[in-house]
Structure formats: C-alpha cells, structure tokens
Amino acid sequence: MIHESAMIGKNVTIGKNTIIEEHVSIGDNVSIGNNVTIKANTQIGDNVQINDLTVLGKGTSTNKKMARKPSTKLDPLIIENDVIIGCSCVIYRSVLLKRGVFVGDLSSIRENVAIAEDSIIGRNVMVENNTTIGKRVTIQTGCYITADMEIEDEVFFGPCCSTSNDKYMGMGNFVLQGPIVKRGAKIGNNATLLPAIVIGENSIVGAGAVVTKDVPNNKTVVGNPGKTLK
C-alpha cells in the first residue's frame, strides 16, 4: 500500500506487502524489499537499498516504570544517498543516516541518533538514543551502544562490545552519560566500557577488558579492571 501523498522517484522497485505511509519522500534508483514499512514523513535519498521486513521511521513508546520518558514529538527519519539497510531492522524517527552508511540485518537504531558518512553498523547491533557516531566508524556484530554516547571518526568496535551510561544502575542519582570514544580508538571483542569514561585518540582496549577509568591517547588497556600497558 502506497499513500497517495507519498513522493516516489524514478526507477524505484517496491516488494510485496510493503507499506509506504503519508508524506514519505523516496529518491531515484531505490530498492525496497518485501514486507517493509516506511512510516509517515520519512525522507529517503537516491540509490538506497532497503531489505525485507524492515521498519523505518518508527515512533517511540513507554510505560509507567520508565524513568526517562521518550519524546513523542520527533523529526522525520532522514536517510541520505547510497545507504544500505539490511533485513529486519528497526530505525526510529529523528535519526540521520548520512551518505554511504551500512546497517546490517537485525539492527536497531533509536531516536535522536546521527551516523556520519560511510560508517558500518553491523549485524544485530543496538544503538540507543541521543548518540552520535562519526565518519568511517565500524561497529561489528552484536555490540550494544548505550544512550548518551559519543563516538568520533574512524573508531573500531569488535564484536559483542558493551557500553553503559548509568553508574548506579537505575537509582536516579547519576546524570546519564555514556562513554566518549575519541578518533581512531580500537575496542576489542567483548570489551565493556563503563559510564562517562573517555577513550583517548588512537588508543586500544584489549579483548574482554572492563574499562572503568579514562584511557589516555595512544595507550593500550587490558584486563579487568582495565590497566594501561607500559
């Protein structure tokens, strides 16, 4: 079903059972798979590939227990040119995917997230809200990118890394702040980054490390708790 107000460009292919809601804008040479839902006001550029069973432009929801209620007044999802989105992804409103971004199968990107040019969000990655990701970043399979996090350009996350933004686990006495990962840092498989720490430029976090303190530029940290190699 395609709403009459949707604007569809040239040479667009649309799969079976796909729903395109009101005021969606789709550029030229776009490929949309089967059973895709594109929510109202979503903006899609040229040469974009959207694979089966994906939902684009999802709104937020909440319940009584949730301490920080998500906003219900969100800007449209914007997908720039040459983006590829895999199967069974869920991408919320107020997300910006810049040119050349790749989103792997089964990944989810929450509201108020910006991902810069040519970055890779791997298979089954969760990117929480209020997070910025720079250019040419690689986040590999199964990573959890917490809310309120900043990742600068050319950072690498190995598979199954975990990050957190709440030092006292829901007690309400900590201003939520995820890690800040500076340009060129490399985070090894299964590493854990605790809230509000800074991972310095071109530093390395070893596989399985639990990082509880800031890491200086150009240093390597290993172990639990993480310690700097001399």
C-alpha atoms as a PDB file:
ATOM      1  CA  MET A   1       0.000   0.000   0.000  1.00  0.00           C
ATOM      2  CA  ILE A   2       1.362   3.384  -1.025  1.00  0.00           C
ATOM      3  CA  HIS A   3      -0.302   6.507   0.358  1.00  0.00           C
ATOM      4  CA  GLU A   4      -1.379   8.980  -2.306  1.00  0.00           C
ATOM      5  CA  SER A   5       0.718  11.765  -0.735  1.00  0.00           C
ATOM      6  CA  ALA A   6       3.983   9.797  -0.976  1.00  0.00           C
ATOM      7  CA  MET A   7       6.556  11.093  -3.473  1.00  0.00           C
ATOM      8  CA  ILE A   8       8.321   8.287  -5.355  1.00  0.00           C
ATOM      9  CA  GLY A   9      11.338   8.952  -7.587  1.00  0.00           C
ATOM     10  CA  LYS A  10      12.426   7.313 -10.817  1.00  0.00           C
ATOM     11  CA  ASN A  11      13.429   3.663 -11.175  1.00  0.00           C
ATOM     12  CA  VAL A  12      12.180   2.641  -7.705  1.00  0.00           C
ATOM     13  CA  THR A  13      11.418  -1.045  -7.074  1.00  0.00           C
ATOM     14  CA  ILE A  14       8.980  -1.963  -4.302  1.00  0.00           C
ATOM     15  CA  GLY A  15       8.485  -5.506  -2.988  1.00  0.00           C
ATOM     16  CA  LYS A  16       5.312  -7.322  -1.989  1.00  0.00           C
ATOM     17  CA  ASN A  17       3.231  -6.255   1.036  1.00  0.00           C
ATOM     18  CA  THR A  18       5.248  -3.077   1.561  1.00  0.00           C
ATOM     19  CA  ILE A  19       3.529  -0.112   3.233  1.00  0.00           C
ATOM     20  CA  ILE A  20       4.537   3.477   2.468  1.00  0.00           C
ATOM     21  CA  GLU A  21       2.695   5.982   4.646  1.00  0.00           C
ATOM     22  CA  GLU A  22       1.742   9.622   4.084  1.00  0.00           C
ATOM     23  CA  HIS A  23       4.250  12.268   3.004  1.00  0.00           C
ATOM     24  CA  VAL A  24       7.130   9.821   2.575  1.00  0.00           C
ATOM     25  CA  SER A  25       9.744  11.028   0.086  1.00  0.00           C
ATOM     26  CA  ILE A  26      11.808   8.486  -1.873  1.00  0.00           C
ATOM     27  CA  GLY A  27      14.568   9.412  -4.328  1.00  0.00           C
ATOM     28  CA  ASP A  28      15.692   7.777  -7.559  1.00  0.00           C
ATOM     29  CA  ASN A  29      17.059   4.251  -8.035  1.00  0.00           C
ATOM     30  CA  VAL A  30      15.844   2.988  -4.662  1.00  0.00           C
ATOM     31  CA  SER A  31      15.271  -0.717  -3.983  1.00  0.00           C
ATOM     32  CA  ILE A  32      12.698  -1.652  -1.309  1.00  0.00           C
ATOM     33  CA  GLY A  33      12.202  -5.291  -0.315  1.00  0.00           C
ATOM     34  CA  ASN A  34       9.167  -7.296   0.735  1.00  0.00           C
ATOM     35  CA  ASN A  35       7.110  -6.572   3.871  1.00  0.00           C
ATOM     36  CA  VAL A  36       8.827  -3.238   4.551  1.00  0.00           C
ATOM     37  CA  THR A  37       7.012  -0.488   6.478  1.00  0.00           C
ATOM     38  CA  ILE A  38       8.034   3.124   5.882  1.00  0.00           C
ATOM     39  CA  LYS A  39       6.351   5.416   8.393  1.00  0.00           C
ATOM     40  CA  ALA A  40       4.978   8.894   7.733  1.00  0.00           C
ATOM     41  CA  ASN A  41       7.306  11.739   6.685  1.00  0.00           C
ATOM     42  CA  THR A  42      10.401   9.562   6.256  1.00  0.00           C
ATOM     43  CA  GLN A  43      12.876  11.020   3.731  1.00  0.00           C
ATOM     44  CA  ILE A  44      14.960   8.651   1.610  1.00  0.00           C
ATOM     45  CA  GLY A  45      17.655   9.757  -0.843  1.00  0.00           C
ATOM     46  CA  ASP A  46      18.916   8.262  -4.101  1.00  0.00           C
ATOM     47  CA  ASN A  47      20.465   4.813  -4.615  1.00  0.00           C
ATOM     48  CA  VAL A  48      19.267   3.478  -1.263  1.00  0.00           C
ATOM     49  CA  GLN A  49      18.744  -0.248  -0.666  1.00  0.00           C
ATOM     50  CA  ILE A  50      16.183  -1.366   1.955  1.00  0.00           C
ATOM     51  CA  ASN A  51      15.859  -5.091   2.522  1.00  0.00           C
ATOM     52  CA  ASP A  52      12.947  -7.295   3.625  1.00  0.00           C
ATOM     53  CA  LEU A  53      10.956  -6.926   6.873  1.00  0.00           C
ATOM     54  CA  THR A  54      12.463  -3.600   7.903  1.00  0.00           C
ATOM     55  CA  VAL A  55      10.599  -0.777   9.682  1.00  0.00           C
ATOM     56  CA  LEU A  56      11.700   2.801   9.011  1.00  0.00           C
ATOM     57  CA  GLY A  57      10.611   5.893  10.963  1.00  0.00           C
ATOM     58  CA  LYS A  58       9.162   4.115  13.995  1.00  0.00           C
ATOM     59  CA  GLY A  59       7.774   6.248  16.817  1.00  0.00           C
ATOM     60  CA  THR A  60       8.634   5.876  20.497  1.00  0.00           C
ATOM     61  CA  SER A  61       6.662   4.161  23.257  1.00  0.00           C
ATOM     62  CA  THR A  62       6.854   3.926  27.055  1.00  0.00           C
ATOM     63  CA  ASN A  63       5.273   2.538  30.230  1.00  0.00           C
ATOM     64  CA  LYS A  64       4.739   3.761  33.807  1.00  0.00           C
ATOM     65  CA  LYS A  65       8.052   2.447  35.152  1.00  0.00           C
ATOM     66  CA  MET A  66      10.300   4.078  32.580  1.00  0.00           C
ATOM     67  CA  ALA A  67      12.228   6.846  34.358  1.00  0.00           C
ATOM     68  CA  ARG A  68      13.128   8.909  31.305  1.00  0.00           C
ATOM     69  CA  LYS A  69      10.103   9.183  29.053  1.00  0.00           C
ATOM     70  CA  PRO A  70      10.962   9.387  25.343  1.00  0.00           C
ATOM     71  CA  SER A  71       9.694  12.354  23.382  1.00  0.00           C
ATOM     72  CA  THR A  72       6.654  11.854  21.205  1.00  0.00           C
ATOM     73  CA  LYS A  73       7.486  14.940  19.100  1.00  0.00           C
ATOM     74  CA  LEU A  74      10.242  13.734  16.835  1.00  0.00           C
ATOM     75  CA  ASP A  75      11.610  14.874  13.480  1.00  0.00           C
ATOM     76  CA  PRO A  76      11.349  12.534  10.488  1.00  0.00           C
ATOM     77  CA  LEU A  77      13.884   9.836   9.787  1.00  0.00           C
ATOM     78  CA  ILE A  78      16.332  11.048   7.114  1.00  0.00           C
ATOM     79  CA  ILE A  79      18.298   8.567   5.005  1.00  0.00           C
ATOM     80  CA  GLU A  80      20.818  10.136   2.635  1.00  0.00           C
ATOM     81  CA  ASN A  81      22.103   8.770  -0.690  1.00  0.00           C
ATOM     82  CA  ASP A  82      23.808   5.378  -1.099  1.00  0.00           C
ATOM     83  CA  VAL A  83      22.714   3.928   2.257  1.00  0.00           C
ATOM     84  CA  ILE A  84      22.173   0.161   2.596  1.00  0.00           C
ATOM     85  CA  ILE A  85      19.803  -1.214   5.260  1.00  0.00           C
ATOM     86  CA  GLY A  86      19.584  -4.944   5.914  1.00  0.00           C
ATOM     87  CA  CYS A  87      16.687  -7.268   6.716  1.00  0.00           C
ATOM     88  CA  SER A  88      14.551  -6.988   9.874  1.00  0.00           C
ATOM     89  CA  CYS A  89      15.994  -3.650  11.007  1.00  0.00           C
ATOM     90  CA  VAL A  90      14.066  -1.108  13.091  1.00  0.00           C
ATOM     91  CA  ILE A  91      15.097   2.533  12.717  1.00  0.00           C
ATOM     92  CA  TYR A  92      13.247   5.225  14.656  1.00  0.00           C
ATOM     93  CA  ARG A  93      12.266   8.806  13.866  1.00  0.00           C
ATOM     94  CA  SER A  94      14.785  11.609  14.482  1.00  0.00           C
ATOM     95  CA  VAL A  95      17.607   9.511  13.055  1.00  0.00           C
ATOM     96  CA  LEU A  96      20.028  10.813  10.425  1.00  0.00           C
ATOM     97  CA  LEU A  97      21.919   8.278   8.314  1.00  0.00           C
ATOM     98  CA  LYS A  98      24.489  10.141   6.249  1.00  0.00           C
ATOM     99  CA  ARG A  99      25.698   9.111   2.805  1.00  0.00           C
ATOM    100  CA  GLY A 100      27.118   5.613   2.435  1.00  0.00           C
ATOM    101  CA  VAL A 101      26.103   4.248   5.838  1.00  0.00           C
ATOM    102  CA  PHE A 102      25.615   0.474   6.056  1.00  0.00           C
ATOM    103  CA  VAL A 103      23.186  -1.057   8.584  1.00  0.00           C
ATOM    104  CA  GLY A 104      23.366  -4.842   8.961  1.00  0.00           C
ATOM    105  CA  ASP A 105      20.497  -7.298   9.397  1.00  0.00           C
ATOM    106  CA  LEU A 106      18.553  -7.300  12.687  1.00  0.00           C
ATOM    107  CA  SER A 107      19.971  -3.975  13.891  1.00  0.00           C
ATOM    108  CA  SER A 108      18.013  -1.292  15.735  1.00  0.00           C
ATOM    109  CA  ILE A 109      18.714   2.442  15.887  1.00  0.00           C
ATOM    110  CA  ARG A 110      16.790   4.519  18.412  1.00  0.00           C
ATOM    111  CA  GLU A 111      15.648   8.154  18.177  1.00  0.00           C
ATOM    112  CA  ASN A 112      17.963  11.204  18.221  1.00  0.00           C
ATOM    113  CA  VAL A 113      20.898   9.354  16.659  1.00  0.00           C
ATOM    114  CA  ALA A 114      23.182  10.691  13.923  1.00  0.00           C
ATOM    115  CA  ILE A 115      25.546   8.410  11.998  1.00  0.00           C
ATOM    116  CA  ALA A 116      28.065  10.086   9.696  1.00  0.00           C
ATOM    117  CA  GLU A 117      29.343   9.114   6.260  1.00  0.00           C
ATOM    118  CA  ASP A 118      30.464   5.587   5.355  1.00  0.00           C
ATOM    119  CA  SER A 119      30.080   4.108   8.837  1.00  0.00           C
ATOM    120  CA  ILE A 120      29.134   0.454   9.370  1.00  0.00           C
ATOM    121  CA  ILE A 121      26.551  -0.704  11.898  1.00  0.00           C
ATOM    122  CA  GLY A 122      26.992  -4.463  11.944  1.00  0.00           C
ATOM    123  CA  ARG A 123      24.528  -7.308  12.247  1.00  0.00           C
ATOM    124  CA  ASN A 124      22.352  -7.331  15.393  1.00  0.00           C
ATOM    125  CA  VAL A 125      23.777  -4.063  16.776  1.00  0.00           C
ATOM    126  CA  MET A 126      21.698  -1.940  19.156  1.00  0.00           C
ATOM    127  CA  VAL A 127      22.271   1.837  19.039  1.00  0.00           C
ATOM    128  CA  GLU A 128      20.394   3.625  21.815  1.00  0.00           C
ATOM    129  CA  ASN A 129      19.020   7.175  21.766  1.00  0.00           C
ATOM    130  CA  ASN A 130      20.881  10.502  21.970  1.00  0.00           C
ATOM    131  CA  THR A 131      24.061   9.081  20.462  1.00  0.00           C
ATOM    132  CA  THR A 132      26.364  10.422  17.745  1.00  0.00           C
ATOM    133  CA  ILE A 133      28.605   8.272  15.574  1.00  0.00           C
ATOM    134  CA  GLY A 134      31.276   9.786  13.347  1.00  0.00           C
ATOM    135  CA  LYS A 135      32.617   9.042   9.872  1.00  0.00           C
ATOM    136  CA  ARG A 136      34.050   5.677   8.815  1.00  0.00           C
ATOM    137  CA  VAL A 137      33.244   4.020  12.143  1.00  0.00           C
ATOM    138  CA  THR A 138      32.948   0.220  12.267  1.00  0.00           C
ATOM    139  CA  ILE A 139      30.711  -1.373  14.903  1.00  0.00           C
ATOM    140  CA  GLN A 140      30.775  -5.129  14.489  1.00  0.00           C
ATOM    141  CA  THR A 141      28.199  -7.845  15.183  1.00  0.00           C
ATOM    142  CA  GLY A 142      26.249  -7.853  18.435  1.00  0.00           C
ATOM    143  CA  CYS A 143      27.523  -4.622  20.003  1.00  0.00           C
ATOM    144  CA  TYR A 144      25.433  -2.611  22.466  1.00  0.00           C
ATOM    145  CA  ILE A 145      25.907   1.148  22.035  1.00  0.00           C
ATOM    146  CA  THR A 146      24.303   2.855  25.013  1.00  0.00           C
ATOM    147  CA  ALA A 147      22.296   6.086  25.084  1.00  0.00           C
ATOM    148  CA  ASP A 148      24.056   9.458  25.531  1.00  0.00           C
ATOM    149  CA  MET A 149      27.260   8.253  23.912  1.00  0.00           C
ATOM    150  CA  GLU A 150      29.696   9.952  21.522  1.00  0.00           C
ATOM    151  CA  ILE A 151      31.842   8.053  19.033  1.00  0.00           C
ATOM    152  CA  GLU A 152      34.249  10.087  16.911  1.00  0.00           C
ATOM    153  CA  ASP A 153      35.571   9.320  13.399  1.00  0.00           C
ATOM    154  CA  GLU A 154      37.358   6.096  12.408  1.00  0.00           C
ATOM    155  CA  VAL A 155      36.664   4.190  15.622  1.00  0.00           C
ATOM    156  CA  PHE A 156      36.542   0.378  15.548  1.00  0.00           C
ATOM    157  CA  PHE A 157      34.390  -1.810  17.836  1.00  0.00           C
ATOM    158  CA  GLY A 158      34.971  -5.555  17.714  1.00  0.00           C
ATOM    159  CA  PRO A 159      32.049  -7.994  18.097  1.00  0.00           C
ATOM    160  CA  CYS A 160      29.883  -8.077  21.233  1.00  0.00           C
ATOM    161  CA  CYS A 161      31.231  -4.966  22.964  1.00  0.00           C
ATOM    162  CA  SER A 162      29.041  -3.421  25.666  1.00  0.00           C
ATOM    163  CA  THR A 163      28.746   0.156  26.922  1.00  0.00           C
ATOM    164  CA  SER A 164      26.775   1.736  29.765  1.00  0.00           C
ATOM    165  CA  ASN A 165      25.588   5.193  30.805  1.00  0.00           C
ATOM    166  CA  ASP A 166      24.229   4.741  34.355  1.00  0.00           C
ATOM    167  CA  LYS A 167      26.885   4.262  37.048  1.00  0.00           C
ATOM    168  CA  TYR A 168      24.409   3.318  39.784  1.00  0.00           C
ATOM    169  CA  MET A 169      22.019   1.167  37.738  1.00  0.00           C
ATOM    170  CA  GLY A 170      18.711   2.973  37.954  1.00  0.00           C
ATOM    171  CA  MET A 171      18.988   4.652  41.367  1.00  0.00           C
ATOM    172  CA  GLY A 172      18.431   8.065  39.791  1.00  0.00           C
ATOM    173  CA  ASN A 173      21.463   9.781  41.344  1.00  0.00           C
ATOM    174  CA  PHE A 174      23.680   9.891  38.255  1.00  0.00           C
ATOM    175  CA  VAL A 175      23.390  12.125  35.192  1.00  0.00           C
ATOM    176  CA  LEU A 176      23.238   9.654  32.333  1.00  0.00           C
ATOM    177  CA  GLN A 177      26.374   9.807  30.213  1.00  0.00           C
ATOM    178  CA  GLY A 178      27.792   7.093  28.016  1.00  0.00           C
ATOM    179  CA  PRO A 179      31.467   6.706  27.136  1.00  0.00           C
ATOM    180  CA  ILE A 180      33.170   9.177  24.805  1.00  0.00           C
ATOM    181  CA  VAL A 181      35.339   7.351  22.295  1.00  0.00           C
ATOM    182  CA  LYS A 182      37.852   9.592  20.561  1.00  0.00           C
ATOM    183  CA  ARG A 183      39.048   9.453  16.968  1.00  0.00           C
ATOM    184  CA  GLY A 184      40.830   6.312  15.823  1.00  0.00           C
ATOM    185  CA  ALA A 185      40.354   4.277  19.007  1.00  0.00           C
ATOM    186  CA  LYS A 186      40.010   0.493  18.717  1.00  0.00           C
ATOM    187  CA  ILE A 187      37.872  -1.559  21.088  1.00  0.00           C
ATOM    188  CA  GLY A 188      38.498  -5.330  21.181  1.00  0.00           C
ATOM    189  CA  ASN A 189      35.956  -8.163  21.222  1.00  0.00           C
ATOM    190  CA  ASN A 190      33.692  -8.367  24.280  1.00  0.00           C
ATOM    191  CA  ALA A 191      35.178  -5.269  25.933  1.00  0.00           C
ATOM    192  CA  THR A 192      32.993  -3.339  28.404  1.00  0.00           C
ATOM    193  CA  LEU A 193      33.109   0.465  28.717  1.00  0.00           C
ATOM    194  CA  LEU A 194      31.627   1.988  31.867  1.00  0.00           C
ATOM    195  CA  PRO A 195      29.698   5.295  32.045  1.00  0.00           C
ATOM    196  CA  ALA A 196      31.252   8.717  31.366  1.00  0.00           C
ATOM    197  CA  ILE A 197      34.784   7.494  30.668  1.00  0.00           C
ATOM    198  CA  VAL A 198      36.874   8.896  27.807  1.00  0.00           C
ATOM    199  CA  ILE A 199      38.738   6.540  25.478  1.00  0.00           C
ATOM    200  CA  GLY A 200      41.592   8.608  24.033  1.00  0.00           C
ATOM    201  CA  GLU A 201      42.599   9.089  20.408  1.00  0.00           C
ATOM    202  CA  ASN A 202      44.249   6.091  18.746  1.00  0.00           C
ATOM    203  CA  SER A 203      44.109   4.099  21.984  1.00  0.00           C
ATOM    204  CA  ILE A 204      43.445   0.346  22.126  1.00  0.00           C
ATOM    205  CA  VAL A 205      41.165  -1.537  24.500  1.00  0.00           C
ATOM    206  CA  GLY A 206      42.053  -5.216  24.600  1.00  0.00           C
ATOM    207  CA  ALA A 207      39.563  -8.033  24.104  1.00  0.00           C
ATOM    208  CA  GLY A 208      37.460  -8.686  27.208  1.00  0.00           C
ATOM    209  CA  ALA A 209      38.742  -5.633  29.085  1.00  0.00           C
ATOM    210  CA  VAL A 210      36.476  -3.847  31.586  1.00  0.00           C
ATOM    211  CA  VAL A 211      37.364  -0.164  31.397  1.00  0.00           C
ATOM    212  CA  THR A 212      36.434   1.849  34.495  1.00  0.00           C
ATOM    213  CA  LYS A 213      38.639   4.936  34.027  1.00  0.00           C
ATOM    214  CA  ASP A 214      39.724   7.286  31.243  1.00  0.00           C
ATOM    215  CA  VAL A 215      42.250   5.925  28.754  1.00  0.00           C
ATOM    216  CA  PRO A 216      44.948   8.406  27.594  1.00  0.00           C
ATOM    217  CA  ASN A 217      45.674   8.989  23.905  1.00  0.00           C
ATOM    218  CA  ASN A 218      47.816   6.355  22.174  1.00  0.00           C
ATOM    219  CA  LYS A 219      47.733   3.898  25.091  1.00  0.00           C
ATOM    220  CA  THR A 220      46.673   0.237  25.365  1.00  0.00           C
ATOM    221  CA  VAL A 221      44.434  -1.010  28.177  1.00  0.00           C
ATOM    222  CA  VAL A 222      43.877  -4.690  29.048  1.00  0.00           C
ATOM    223  CA  GLY A 223      42.311  -6.746  31.829  1.00  0.00           C
ATOM    224  CA  ASN A 224      39.559  -6.428  34.457  1.00  0.00           C
ATOM    225  CA  PRO A 225      39.693  -3.777  35.718  1.00  0.00           C
ATOM    226  CA  GLY A 226      41.477  -2.280  32.726  1.00  0.00           C
ATOM    227  CA  LYS A 227      45.105  -1.288  33.270  1.00  0.00           C
ATOM    228  CA  THR A 228      47.410   0.632  30.946  1.00  0.00           C
ATOM    229  CA  LEU A 229      50.324  -1.289  29.471  1.00  0.00           C
ATOM    230  CA  LYS A 230      53.677   0.393  29.971  1.00  0.00           C
END
